[in-house]
Amino acid sequence: MQTVSDDSFASEVLASDKPVLVDFWAEWCGPCKPLAVTLGEISEEMGEHITIAKLNMDENPQAPSTYGVRSAPTMMIFRNGEVVASLVGLQSKSKLVNWIKGAI
């Protein structure tokens, strides 16, 4: 799992040649912590098909504002520079895997 920022968002997410799931999270967000563990496991299992990245919303307000992110955690899958799927809140690993497979 990689970390992206407002500065690296365009090059690491929008210009990526494979789909990127961005986890918009914050330190104060309780559900973000267990979600990060689950996304780490999914990253190891599905890393050849999708890149999983985290973006701290408090430190990087530009990207969340651009994409209308209002709550944490919010996950968005980008493909060819466009949002193709989004999901809000803590989800089970099986639901996340199915959601990712459906989007990529």
Protein backbone atom coordinates (compact mmCIF):
# COMPACT_ATOMS: atom_id res chain seq x y z
CA MET A 1 0.00 0.00 0.00
CA GLN A 2 1.37 3.40 -0.89
CA THR A 3 0.79 6.90 0.44
CA VAL A 4 -0.21 9.71 -1.91
CA SER A 5 -0.52 13.45 -1.35
CA ASP A 6 -2.08 16.38 -3.14
CA ASP A 7 1.31 16.91 -4.81
CA SER A 8 1.64 13.33 -6.06
CA PHE A 9 -2.06 12.63 -6.78
CA ALA A 10 -1.96 13.42 -10.50
CA SER A 11 1.16 11.36 -11.21
CA GLU A 12 0.47 8.39 -8.90
CA VAL A 13 -3.31 8.10 -9.23
CA LEU A 14 -4.64 9.87 -12.31
CA ALA A 15 -1.74 8.90 -14.60
CA SER A 16 -1.43 5.31 -13.34
CA ASP A 17 -1.58 2.60 -15.98
CA LYS A 18 -3.53 0.32 -13.64
CA PRO A 19 -6.57 1.05 -11.46
CA VAL A 20 -5.91 2.80 -8.14
CA LEU A 21 -8.08 2.55 -5.04
CA VAL A 22 -7.60 5.68 -2.94
CA ASP A 23 -8.51 5.45 0.74
CA PHE A 24 -9.32 8.98 1.95
CA TRP A 25 -8.70 8.76 5.70
CA ALA A 26 -7.94 10.89 8.78
CA GLU A 27 -6.16 10.37 12.11
CA TRP A 28 -9.34 11.12 14.08
CA CYS A 29 -11.36 8.53 12.16
CA GLY A 30 -11.95 5.39 14.25
CA PRO A 31 -13.14 3.12 11.40
CA CYS A 32 -10.14 4.15 9.27
CA LYS A 33 -7.73 2.10 11.38
CA PRO A 34 -9.29 -1.37 10.88
CA LEU A 35 -10.02 -0.47 7.25
CA ALA A 36 -6.31 0.24 6.70
CA VAL A 37 -5.46 -3.26 7.94
CA THR A 38 -8.02 -4.83 5.58
CA LEU A 39 -6.82 -2.75 2.63
CA GLY A 40 -3.24 -3.77 3.39
CA GLU A 41 -4.25 -7.44 3.12
CA ILE A 42 -6.14 -6.78 -0.12
CA SER A 43 -3.13 -4.90 -1.49
CA GLU A 44 -0.94 -7.95 -0.93
CA GLU A 45 -3.50 -10.29 -2.51
CA MET A 46 -4.59 -8.14 -5.47
CA GLY A 47 -1.56 -5.88 -5.98
CA GLU A 48 -0.95 -7.05 -9.53
CA HIS A 49 -4.45 -5.87 -10.56
CA ILE A 50 -4.91 -2.68 -8.53
CA THR A 51 -2.78 -0.21 -6.59
CA ILE A 52 -4.08 0.69 -3.15
CA ALA A 53 -3.14 4.14 -1.88
CA LYS A 54 -3.93 6.17 1.23
CA LEU A 55 -4.44 9.90 1.35
CA ASN A 56 -4.62 11.75 4.68
CA MET A 57 -7.49 14.21 4.23
CA ASP A 58 -6.33 16.61 6.95
CA GLU A 59 -2.83 16.96 5.50
CA ASN A 60 -4.00 16.96 1.87
CA PRO A 61 -7.31 18.86 1.52
CA GLN A 62 -7.13 19.53 -2.23
CA ALA A 63 -7.90 16.05 -3.63
CA PRO A 64 -10.80 15.33 -1.22
CA SER A 65 -12.30 18.72 -2.09
CA THR A 66 -11.90 18.09 -5.83
CA TYR A 67 -13.71 14.75 -5.60
CA GLY A 68 -16.39 15.80 -3.10
CA VAL A 69 -15.18 13.63 -0.24
CA ARG A 70 -17.16 14.66 2.85
CA SER A 71 -16.57 11.82 5.32
CA ALA A 72 -13.87 9.38 6.30
CA PRO A 73 -13.29 6.71 5.32
CA THR A 74 -14.21 7.17 1.68
CA MET A 75 -12.72 4.91 -0.98
CA MET A 76 -12.64 5.70 -4.68
CA ILE A 77 -11.35 3.59 -7.54
CA PHE A 78 -9.73 5.55 -10.35
CA ARG A 79 -9.16 4.07 -13.80
CA ASN A 80 -7.64 6.10 -16.66
CA GLY A 81 -7.85 9.25 -14.54
CA GLU A 82 -11.58 8.91 -13.83
CA VAL A 83 -13.53 7.81 -10.74
CA VAL A 84 -15.23 4.51 -11.63
CA ALA A 85 -16.53 3.54 -8.18
CA SER A 86 -16.83 4.97 -4.68
CA LEU A 87 -17.74 3.56 -1.29
CA VAL A 88 -18.10 5.21 2.11
CA GLY A 89 -17.57 3.67 5.53
CA LEU A 90 -16.02 0.60 7.07
CA GLN A 91 -16.71 -2.51 4.97
CA SER A 92 -16.00 -6.21 5.34
CA LYS A 93 -13.07 -7.64 3.42
CA SER A 94 -15.34 -9.80 1.26
CA LYS A 95 -17.50 -6.81 0.32
CA LEU A 96 -14.42 -4.77 -0.55
CA VAL A 97 -12.94 -7.53 -2.70
CA ASN A 98 -16.23 -7.95 -4.60
CA TRP A 99 -16.54 -4.15 -5.01
CA ILE A 100 -13.00 -3.93 -6.38
CA LYS A 101 -13.50 -6.87 -8.76
CA GLY A 102 -16.70 -5.26 -10.03
CA ALA A 103 -14.92 -1.98 -10.72
CA ILE A 104 -11.76 -3.24 -12.40
